[in-house]
PDB file of N, CA and C in Angstrom:
ATOM      1  N   MET A   1       0.831  -1.184   0.008  1.00  0.00           N
ATOM      2  CA  MET A   1       0.010   0.006   0.008  1.00  0.00           C
ATOM      3  C   MET A   1       0.862   1.261   0.042  1.00  0.00           C
ATOM      4  N   LYS A   2       1.988   1.195   0.668  1.00  0.00           N
ATOM      5  CA  LYS A   2       2.893   2.345   0.676  1.00  0.00           C
ATOM      6  C   LYS A   2       3.396   2.702  -0.692  1.00  0.00           C
ATOM      7  N   LYS A   3       3.667   1.640  -1.511  1.00  0.00           N
ATOM      8  CA  LYS A   3       4.163   1.870  -2.872  1.00  0.00           C
ATOM      9  C   LYS A   3       3.083   2.606  -3.670  1.00  0.00           C
ATOM     10  N   ASN A   4       1.850   2.294  -3.561  1.00  0.00           N
ATOM     11  CA  ASN A   4       0.739   2.935  -4.326  1.00  0.00           C
ATOM     12  C   ASN A   4       0.617   4.389  -3.821  1.00  0.00           C
ATOM     13  N   GLN A   5       0.722   4.635  -2.538  1.00  0.00           N
ATOM     14  CA  GLN A   5       0.665   6.021  -2.011  1.00  0.00           C
ATOM     15  C   GLN A   5       1.831   6.824  -2.574  1.00  0.00           C
ATOM     16  N   ASN A   6       3.003   6.232  -2.567  1.00  0.00           N
ATOM     17  CA  ASN A   6       4.178   6.909  -3.078  1.00  0.00           C
ATOM     18  C   ASN A   6       4.068   7.156  -4.558  1.00  0.00           C
ATOM     19  N   THR A   7       3.522   6.235  -5.345  1.00  0.00           N
ATOM     20  CA  THR A   7       3.335   6.405  -6.768  1.00  0.00           C
ATOM     21  C   THR A   7       2.365   7.552  -6.990  1.00  0.00           C
ATOM     22  N   THR A   8       1.234   7.542  -6.244  1.00  0.00           N
ATOM     23  CA  THR A   8       0.236   8.550  -6.418  1.00  0.00           C
ATOM     24  C   THR A   8       0.794   9.954  -6.078  1.00  0.00           C
ATOM     25  N   PHE A   9       1.592  10.027  -5.052  1.00  0.00           N
ATOM     26  CA  PHE A   9       2.182  11.268  -4.668  1.00  0.00           C
ATOM     27  C   PHE A   9       3.103  11.779  -5.752  1.00  0.00           C
ATOM     28  N   ARG A  10       3.905  10.896  -6.264  1.00  0.00           N
ATOM     29  CA  ARG A  10       4.857  11.231  -7.375  1.00  0.00           C
ATOM     30  C   ARG A  10       4.131  11.707  -8.574  1.00  0.00           C
ATOM     31  N   GLU A  11       3.081  11.001  -8.943  1.00  0.00           N
ATOM     32  CA  GLU A  11       2.270  11.402 -10.145  1.00  0.00           C
ATOM     33  C   GLU A  11       1.645  12.790  -9.895  1.00  0.00           C
ATOM     34  N   LYS A  12       1.124  13.028  -8.726  1.00  0.00           N
ATOM     35  CA  LYS A  12       0.500  14.370  -8.414  1.00  0.00           C
ATOM     36  C   LYS A  12       1.581  15.473  -8.519  1.00  0.00           C
ATOM     37  N   MET A  13       2.795  15.176  -7.991  1.00  0.00           N
ATOM     38  CA  MET A  13       3.847  16.222  -8.084  1.00  0.00           C
ATOM     39  C   MET A  13       4.273  16.490  -9.501  1.00  0.00           C
ATOM     40  N   VAL A  14       4.384  15.462 -10.297  1.00  0.00           N
ATOM     41  CA  VAL A  14       4.733  15.608 -11.705  1.00  0.00           C
ATOM     42  C   VAL A  14       3.645  16.455 -12.417  1.00  0.00           C
ATOM     43  N   ASN A  15       2.393  16.106 -12.166  1.00  0.00           N
ATOM     44  CA  ASN A  15       1.275  16.882 -12.775  1.00  0.00           C
ATOM     45  C   ASN A  15       1.282  18.318 -12.325  1.00  0.00           C
ATOM     46  N   GLN A  16       1.408  18.545 -11.033  1.00  0.00           N
ATOM     47  CA  GLN A  16       1.376  19.941 -10.517  1.00  0.00           C
ATOM     48  C   GLN A  16       2.549  20.810 -11.043  1.00  0.00           C
ATOM     49  N   LEU A  17       3.738  20.220 -11.178  1.00  0.00           N
ATOM     50  CA  LEU A  17       4.844  20.872 -11.618  1.00  0.00           C
ATOM     51  C   LEU A  17       4.949  20.927 -13.166  1.00  0.00           C
ATOM     52  N   GLU A  18       4.030  20.203 -13.831  1.00  0.00           N
ATOM     53  CA  GLU A  18       4.012  20.084 -15.289  1.00  0.00           C
ATOM     54  C   GLU A  18       5.326  19.581 -15.880  1.00  0.00           C
ATOM     55  N   LEU A  19       5.884  18.531 -15.217  1.00  0.00           N
ATOM     56  CA  LEU A  19       7.080  17.912 -15.677  1.00  0.00           C
ATOM     57  C   LEU A  19       6.710  16.832 -16.694  1.00  0.00           C
ATOM     58  N   PRO A  20       7.684  16.509 -17.570  1.00  0.00           N
ATOM     59  CA  PRO A  20       7.408  15.463 -18.586  1.00  0.00           C
ATOM     60  C   PRO A  20       7.253  14.119 -17.908  1.00  0.00           C
ATOM     61  N   LYS A  21       6.151  13.443 -18.123  1.00  0.00           N
ATOM     62  CA  LYS A  21       5.909  12.150 -17.494  1.00  0.00           C
ATOM     63  C   LYS A  21       6.855  11.051 -17.964  1.00  0.00           C
ATOM     64  N   ASP A  22       7.262  11.101 -19.191  1.00  0.00           N
ATOM     65  CA  ASP A  22       8.122  10.074 -19.676  1.00  0.00           C
ATOM     66  C   ASP A  22       9.493  10.117 -18.967  1.00  0.00           C
ATOM     67  N   LEU A  23       9.969  11.274 -18.647  1.00  0.00           N
ATOM     68  CA  LEU A  23      11.233  11.384 -17.952  1.00  0.00           C
ATOM     69  C   LEU A  23      11.154  11.139 -16.421  1.00  0.00           C
ATOM     70  N   MET A  24      10.093  11.717 -15.835  1.00  0.00           N
ATOM     71  CA  MET A  24       9.970  11.643 -14.372  1.00  0.00           C
ATOM     72  C   MET A  24       9.385  10.321 -13.911  1.00  0.00           C
ATOM     73  N   LEU A  25       8.467   9.736 -14.636  1.00  0.00           N
ATOM     74  CA  LEU A  25       7.846   8.444 -14.207  1.00  0.00           C
ATOM     75  C   LEU A  25       8.313   7.280 -15.012  1.00  0.00           C
ATOM     76  N   GLY A  26       9.105   7.495 -16.032  1.00  0.00           N
ATOM     77  CA  GLY A  26       9.558   6.380 -16.846  1.00  0.00           C
ATOM     78  C   GLY A  26       8.442   5.822 -17.753  1.00  0.00           C
ATOM     79  N   ALA A  27       7.418   6.615 -17.969  1.00  0.00           N
ATOM     80  CA  ALA A  27       6.276   6.124 -18.828  1.00  0.00           C
ATOM     81  C   ALA A  27       6.710   5.893 -20.246  1.00  0.00           C
ATOM     82  N   ALA A  28       6.175   4.825 -20.839  1.00  0.00           N
ATOM     83  CA  ALA A  28       6.469   4.547 -22.207  1.00  0.00           C
ATOM     84  C   ALA A  28       5.709   5.486 -23.123  1.00  0.00           C
ATOM     85  N   ILE A  29       6.342   5.862 -24.235  1.00  0.00           N
ATOM     86  CA  ILE A  29       5.687   6.687 -25.251  1.00  0.00           C
ATOM     87  C   ILE A  29       5.431   5.748 -26.406  1.00  0.00           C
ATOM     88  N   VAL A  30       4.152   5.609 -26.809  1.00  0.00           N
ATOM     89  CA  VAL A  30       3.817   4.790 -27.946  1.00  0.00           C
ATOM     90  C   VAL A  30       3.250   5.635 -29.050  1.00  0.00           C
ATOM     91  N   THR A  31       3.929   5.645 -30.170  1.00  0.00           N
ATOM     92  CA  THR A  31       3.542   6.481 -31.305  1.00  0.00           C
ATOM     93  C   THR A  31       3.119   5.562 -32.466  1.00  0.00           C
ATOM     94  N   VAL A  32       1.948   5.614 -32.899  1.00  0.00           N
ATOM     95  CA  VAL A  32       1.416   4.784 -33.981  1.00  0.00           C
ATOM     96  C   VAL A  32       1.162   5.601 -35.194  1.00  0.00           C
ATOM     97  N   THR A  33       1.720   5.129 -36.332  1.00  0.00           N
ATOM     98  CA  THR A  33       1.553   5.791 -37.625  1.00  0.00           C
ATOM     99  C   THR A  33       0.687   4.888 -38.472  1.00  0.00           C
ATOM    100  N   GLY A  34      -0.570   5.268 -38.658  1.00  0.00           N
ATOM    101  CA  GLY A  34      -1.482   4.440 -39.436  1.00  0.00           C
ATOM    102  C   GLY A  34      -1.637   3.064 -38.861  1.00  0.00           C
ATOM    103  N   ARG A  35      -1.703   2.071 -39.684  1.00  0.00           N
ATOM    104  CA  ARG A  35      -1.761   0.681 -39.250  1.00  0.00           C
ATOM    105  C   ARG A  35      -0.462  -0.095 -39.618  1.00  0.00           C
ATOM    106  N   ARG A  36       0.585   0.642 -39.979  1.00  0.00           N
ATOM    107  CA  ARG A  36       1.781   0.049 -40.501  1.00  0.00           C
ATOM    108  C   ARG A  36       3.007   0.120 -39.623  1.00  0.00           C
ATOM    109  N   GLU A  37       3.049   1.067 -38.634  1.00  0.00           N
ATOM    110  CA  GLU A  37       4.282   1.181 -37.848  1.00  0.00           C
ATOM    111  C   GLU A  37       3.942   1.715 -36.467  1.00  0.00           C
ATOM    112  N   ILE A  38       4.774   1.329 -35.503  1.00  0.00           N
ATOM    113  CA  ILE A  38       4.625   1.779 -34.142  1.00  0.00           C
ATOM    114  C   ILE A  38       6.036   2.034 -33.570  1.00  0.00           C
ATOM    115  N   LEU A  39       6.203   3.118 -32.865  1.00  0.00           N
ATOM    116  CA  LEU A  39       7.460   3.462 -32.219  1.00  0.00           C
ATOM    117  C   LEU A  39       7.242   3.496 -30.763  1.00  0.00           C
ATOM    118  N   ILE A  40       8.040   2.707 -29.980  1.00  0.00           N
ATOM    119  CA  ILE A  40       7.918   2.630 -28.580  1.00  0.00           C
ATOM    120  C   ILE A  40       9.208   3.170 -27.959  1.00  0.00           C
ATOM    121  N   THR A  41       9.046   4.201 -27.083  1.00  0.00           N
ATOM    122  CA  THR A  41      10.189   4.749 -26.408  1.00  0.00           C
ATOM    123  C   THR A  41      10.063   4.425 -24.886  1.00  0.00           C
ATOM    124  N   ASN A  42      11.190   4.255 -24.235  1.00  0.00           N
ATOM    125  CA  ASN A  42      11.261   3.917 -22.787  1.00  0.00           C
ATOM    126  C   ASN A  42      10.767   2.502 -22.488  1.00  0.00           C
ATOM    127  N   TYR A  43      11.200   1.563 -23.289  1.00  0.00           N
ATOM    128  CA  TYR A  43      10.854   0.165 -22.980  1.00  0.00           C
ATOM    129  C   TYR A  43      12.026  -0.424 -22.225  1.00  0.00           C
ATOM    130  N   LYS A  44      11.768  -1.565 -21.584  1.00  0.00           N
ATOM    131  CA  LYS A  44      12.860  -2.260 -20.847  1.00  0.00           C
ATOM    132  C   LYS A  44      13.322  -3.498 -21.579  1.00  0.00           C
ATOM    133  N   GLY A  45      12.455  -4.208 -22.252  1.00  0.00           N
ATOM    134  CA  GLY A  45      12.862  -5.421 -22.928  1.00  0.00           C
ATOM    135  C   GLY A  45      11.842  -6.026 -23.802  1.00  0.00           C
ATOM    136  N   ILE A  46      12.224  -6.973 -24.612  1.00  0.00           N
ATOM    137  CA  ILE A  46      11.332  -7.728 -25.470  1.00  0.00           C
ATOM    138  C   ILE A  46      11.077  -9.032 -24.826  1.00  0.00           C
ATOM    139  N   LEU A  47       9.812  -9.339 -24.501  1.00  0.00           N
ATOM    140  CA  LEU A  47       9.457 -10.560 -23.775  1.00  0.00           C
ATOM    141  C   LEU A  47       9.160 -11.707 -24.772  1.00  0.00           C
ATOM    142  N   GLU A  48       8.419 -11.435 -25.843  1.00  0.00           N
ATOM    143  CA  GLU A  48       8.125 -12.414 -26.879  1.00  0.00           C
ATOM    144  C   GLU A  48       8.072 -11.714 -28.205  1.00  0.00           C
ATOM    145  N   TYR A  49       8.469 -12.490 -29.234  1.00  0.00           N
ATOM    146  CA  TYR A  49       8.547 -11.947 -30.578  1.00  0.00           C
ATOM    147  C   TYR A  49       8.139 -12.982 -31.558  1.00  0.00           C
ATOM    148  N   GLU A  50       6.985 -12.864 -32.131  1.00  0.00           N
ATOM    149  CA  GLU A  50       6.452 -13.749 -33.146  1.00  0.00           C
ATOM    150  C   GLU A  50       6.001 -12.950 -34.320  1.00  0.00           C
ATOM    151  N   ASP A  51       5.656 -13.625 -35.420  1.00  0.00           N
ATOM    152  CA  ASP A  51       5.174 -12.953 -36.618  1.00  0.00           C
ATOM    153  C   ASP A  51       3.785 -12.260 -36.369  1.00  0.00           C
ATOM    154  N   SER A  52       2.999 -12.803 -35.440  1.00  0.00           N
ATOM    155  CA  SER A  52       1.647 -12.301 -35.219  1.00  0.00           C
ATOM    156  C   SER A  52       1.531 -11.483 -33.963  1.00  0.00           C
ATOM    157  N   PHE A  53       2.503 -11.425 -33.097  1.00  0.00           N
ATOM    158  CA  PHE A  53       2.510 -10.610 -31.853  1.00  0.00           C
ATOM    159  C   PHE A  53       3.848 -10.353 -31.312  1.00  0.00           C
ATOM    160  N   ILE A  54       4.004  -9.212 -30.678  1.00  0.00           N
ATOM    161  CA  ILE A  54       5.233  -8.878 -30.006  1.00  0.00           C
ATOM    162  C   ILE A  54       4.829  -8.323 -28.630  1.00  0.00           C
ATOM    163  N   ARG A  55       5.436  -8.843 -27.594  1.00  0.00           N
ATOM    164  CA  ARG A  55       5.158  -8.447 -26.234  1.00  0.00           C
ATOM    165  C   ARG A  55       6.409  -7.680 -25.708  1.00  0.00           C
ATOM    166  N   ILE A  56       6.189  -6.480 -25.189  1.00  0.00           N
ATOM    167  CA  ILE A  56       7.253  -5.596 -24.732  1.00  0.00           C
ATOM    168  C   ILE A  56       7.052  -5.300 -23.223  1.00  0.00           C
ATOM    169  N   GLN A  57       8.095  -5.274 -22.440  1.00  0.00           N
ATOM    170  CA  GLN A  57       8.055  -4.860 -21.029  1.00  0.00           C
ATOM    171  C   GLN A  57       8.493  -3.384 -20.930  1.00  0.00           C
ATOM    172  N   THR A  58       7.645  -2.662 -20.258  1.00  0.00           N
ATOM    173  CA  THR A  58       8.037  -1.258 -19.976  1.00  0.00           C
ATOM    174  C   THR A  58       8.186  -1.179 -18.435  1.00  0.00           C
ATOM    175  N   LYS A  59       8.460   0.013 -17.950  1.00  0.00           N
ATOM    176  CA  LYS A  59       8.705   0.155 -16.523  1.00  0.00           C
ATOM    177  C   LYS A  59       7.369  -0.123 -15.733  1.00  0.00           C
ATOM    178  N   ASN A  60       6.257   0.308 -16.312  1.00  0.00           N
ATOM    179  CA  ASN A  60       4.951   0.258 -15.613  1.00  0.00           C
ATOM    180  C   ASN A  60       3.982  -0.831 -16.063  1.00  0.00           C
ATOM    181  N   CYS A  61       4.253  -1.395 -17.256  1.00  0.00           N
ATOM    182  CA  CYS A  61       3.290  -2.379 -17.812  1.00  0.00           C
ATOM    183  C   CYS A  61       3.939  -3.170 -18.892  1.00  0.00           C
ATOM    184  N   ARG A  62       3.109  -4.136 -19.410  1.00  0.00           N
ATOM    185  CA  ARG A  62       3.469  -4.858 -20.569  1.00  0.00           C
ATOM    186  C   ARG A  62       2.644  -4.416 -21.747  1.00  0.00           C
ATOM    187  N   ILE A  63       3.197  -4.336 -22.917  1.00  0.00           N
ATOM    188  CA  ILE A  63       2.471  -3.928 -24.091  1.00  0.00           C
ATOM    189  C   ILE A  63       2.517  -5.077 -25.125  1.00  0.00           C
ATOM    190  N   THR A  64       1.348  -5.506 -25.626  1.00  0.00           N
ATOM    191  CA  THR A  64       1.288  -6.517 -26.606  1.00  0.00           C
ATOM    192  C   THR A  64       0.811  -5.957 -27.846  1.00  0.00           C
ATOM    193  N   ILE A  65       1.547  -6.081 -28.959  1.00  0.00           N
ATOM    194  CA  ILE A  65       1.105  -5.633 -30.248  1.00  0.00           C
ATOM    195  C   ILE A  65       0.745  -6.868 -31.082  1.00  0.00           C
ATOM    196  N   SER A  66      -0.492  -6.878 -31.592  1.00  0.00           N
ATOM    197  CA  SER A  66      -0.924  -8.019 -32.371  1.00  0.00           C
ATOM    198  C   SER A  66      -1.153  -7.554 -33.813  1.00  0.00           C
ATOM    199  N   GLY A  67      -0.979  -8.458 -34.776  1.00  0.00           N
ATOM    200  CA  GLY A  67      -1.222  -8.197 -36.180  1.00  0.00           C
ATOM    201  C   GLY A  67      -0.713  -9.267 -37.023  1.00  0.00           C
ATOM    202  N   ALA A  68      -0.236  -8.942 -38.183  1.00  0.00           N
ATOM    203  CA  ALA A  68       0.352  -9.904 -39.130  1.00  0.00           C
ATOM    204  C   ALA A  68       1.633  -9.376 -39.736  1.00  0.00           C
ATOM    205  N   HIS A  69       2.563 -10.269 -39.999  1.00  0.00           N
ATOM    206  CA  HIS A  69       3.839  -9.932 -40.608  1.00  0.00           C
ATOM    207  C   HIS A  69       4.567  -8.850 -39.783  1.00  0.00           C
ATOM    208  N   LEU A  70       4.481  -8.983 -38.450  1.00  0.00           N
ATOM    209  CA  LEU A  70       5.171  -8.002 -37.584  1.00  0.00           C
ATOM    210  C   LEU A  70       6.682  -8.244 -37.521  1.00  0.00           C
ATOM    211  N   ALA A  71       7.418  -7.159 -37.511  1.00  0.00           N
ATOM    212  CA  ALA A  71       8.854  -7.249 -37.477  1.00  0.00           C
ATOM    213  C   ALA A  71       9.430  -6.030 -36.706  1.00  0.00           C
ATOM    214  N   ILE A  72      10.460  -6.273 -35.968  1.00  0.00           N
ATOM    215  CA  ILE A  72      11.147  -5.146 -35.321  1.00  0.00           C
ATOM    216  C   ILE A  72      12.166  -4.614 -36.322  1.00  0.00           C
ATOM    217  N   GLU A  73      11.882  -3.403 -36.844  1.00  0.00           N
ATOM    218  CA  GLU A  73      12.728  -2.853 -37.844  1.00  0.00           C
ATOM    219  C   GLU A  73      14.088  -2.432 -37.285  1.00  0.00           C
ATOM    220  N   TYR A  74      14.089  -1.844 -36.079  1.00  0.00           N
ATOM    221  CA  TYR A  74      15.306  -1.537 -35.369  1.00  0.00           C
ATOM    222  C   TYR A  74      14.980  -1.361 -33.902  1.00  0.00           C
ATOM    223  N   TYR A  75      15.977  -1.407 -33.070  1.00  0.00           N
ATOM    224  CA  TYR A  75      15.806  -1.110 -31.661  1.00  0.00           C
ATOM    225  C   TYR A  75      17.159  -0.647 -31.108  1.00  0.00           C
ATOM    226  N   THR A  76      17.035   0.278 -30.117  1.00  0.00           N
ATOM    227  CA  THR A  76      18.208   0.790 -29.366  1.00  0.00           C
ATOM    228  C   THR A  76      17.860   0.569 -27.905  1.00  0.00           C
ATOM    229  N   ASN A  77      18.704   1.070 -27.031  1.00  0.00           N
ATOM    230  CA  ASN A  77      18.436   0.987 -25.612  1.00  0.00           C
ATOM    231  C   ASN A  77      17.205   1.794 -25.192  1.00  0.00           C
ATOM    232  N   GLU A  78      16.793   2.743 -25.982  1.00  0.00           N
ATOM    233  CA  GLU A  78      15.704   3.627 -25.599  1.00  0.00           C
ATOM    234  C   GLU A  78      14.422   3.445 -26.437  1.00  0.00           C
ATOM    235  N   GLU A  79      14.530   3.041 -27.706  1.00  0.00           N
ATOM    236  CA  GLU A  79      13.341   2.984 -28.492  1.00  0.00           C
ATOM    237  C   GLU A  79      13.389   1.805 -29.509  1.00  0.00           C
ATOM    238  N   MET A  80      12.230   1.442 -30.011  1.00  0.00           N
ATOM    239  CA  MET A  80      12.168   0.401 -31.049  1.00  0.00           C
ATOM    240  C   MET A  80      11.044   0.786 -32.011  1.00  0.00           C
ATOM    241  N   LYS A  81      11.224   0.322 -33.284  1.00  0.00           N
ATOM    242  CA  LYS A  81      10.264   0.513 -34.320  1.00  0.00           C
ATOM    243  C   LYS A  81       9.771  -0.820 -34.811  1.00  0.00           C
ATOM    244  N   ILE A  82       8.446  -0.994 -34.739  1.00  0.00           N
ATOM    245  CA  ILE A  82       7.779  -2.236 -35.205  1.00  0.00           C
ATOM    246  C   ILE A  82       7.021  -1.889 -36.417  1.00  0.00           C
ATOM    247  N   ILE A  83       7.168  -2.759 -37.476  1.00  0.00           N
ATOM    248  CA  ILE A  83       6.431  -2.565 -38.691  1.00  0.00           C
ATOM    249  C   ILE A  83       5.581  -3.828 -38.970  1.00  0.00           C
ATOM    250  N   GLY A  84       4.604  -3.681 -39.845  1.00  0.00           N
ATOM    251  CA  GLY A  84       3.740  -4.795 -40.211  1.00  0.00           C
ATOM    252  C   GLY A  84       2.280  -4.322 -40.299  1.00  0.00           C
ATOM    253  N   PHE A  85       1.358  -5.266 -40.214  1.00  0.00           N
ATOM    254  CA  PHE A  85      -0.041  -4.886 -40.247  1.00  0.00           C
ATOM    255  C   PHE A  85      -0.573  -4.962 -38.842  1.00  0.00           C
ATOM    256  N   LEU A  86      -0.756  -3.782 -38.221  1.00  0.00           N
ATOM    257  CA  LEU A  86      -1.159  -3.684 -36.824  1.00  0.00           C
ATOM    258  C   LEU A  86      -2.661  -3.894 -36.648  1.00  0.00           C
ATOM    259  N   ASP A  87      -3.041  -4.751 -35.674  1.00  0.00           N
ATOM    260  CA  ASP A  87      -4.467  -4.961 -35.362  1.00  0.00           C
ATOM    261  C   ASP A  87      -4.796  -4.377 -34.041  1.00  0.00           C
ATOM    262  N   THR A  88      -4.057  -4.733 -32.965  1.00  0.00           N
ATOM    263  CA  THR A  88      -4.433  -4.295 -31.645  1.00  0.00           C
ATOM    264  C   THR A  88      -3.128  -3.981 -30.825  1.00  0.00           C
ATOM    265  N   ILE A  89      -3.317  -3.046 -29.898  1.00  0.00           N
ATOM    266  CA  ILE A  89      -2.305  -2.739 -28.904  1.00  0.00           C
ATOM    267  C   ILE A  89      -2.973  -2.897 -27.566  1.00  0.00           C
ATOM    268  N   GLN A  90      -2.410  -3.850 -26.751  1.00  0.00           N
ATOM    269  CA  GLN A  90      -2.991  -4.150 -25.445  1.00  0.00           C
ATOM    270  C   GLN A  90      -2.032  -3.807 -24.337  1.00  0.00           C
ATOM    271  N   TYR A  91      -2.514  -3.155 -23.246  1.00  0.00           N
ATOM    272  CA  TYR A  91      -1.686  -2.825 -22.100  1.00  0.00           C
ATOM    273  C   TYR A  91      -2.053  -3.791 -20.953  1.00  0.00           C
ATOM    274  N   GLU A  92      -1.101  -4.375 -20.323  1.00  0.00           N
ATOM    275  CA  GLU A  92      -1.288  -5.301 -19.205  1.00  0.00           C
ATOM    276  C   GLU A  92      -0.557  -4.759 -17.963  1.00  0.00           C
ATOM    277  N   SER A  93      -1.147  -4.788 -16.854  1.00  0.00           N
ATOM    278  CA  SER A  93      -0.510  -4.353 -15.587  1.00  0.00           C
ATOM    279  C   SER A  93       0.613  -5.252 -15.194  1.00  0.00           C
TER     280      SER A  93
END
């Protein structure tokens, strides 16, 4: 319970001070361009990688991208670009 209170306090401070959430909270930034590409910034790792889905771990959640002919075009320590035919993006706690 203390962790939730601390997280809530931190989020309130970031909001009140109008600080960038991606930097202060480690929030992932997901940028989707049409149904063909997605850019994810602030990810921690690749959990699963198949032609029909890719599961990514971020600091706060897991993100599953489903579709067809999915491929990771490139990745660095900070961001990755996924291409293919995107169907769904699912966030898991």
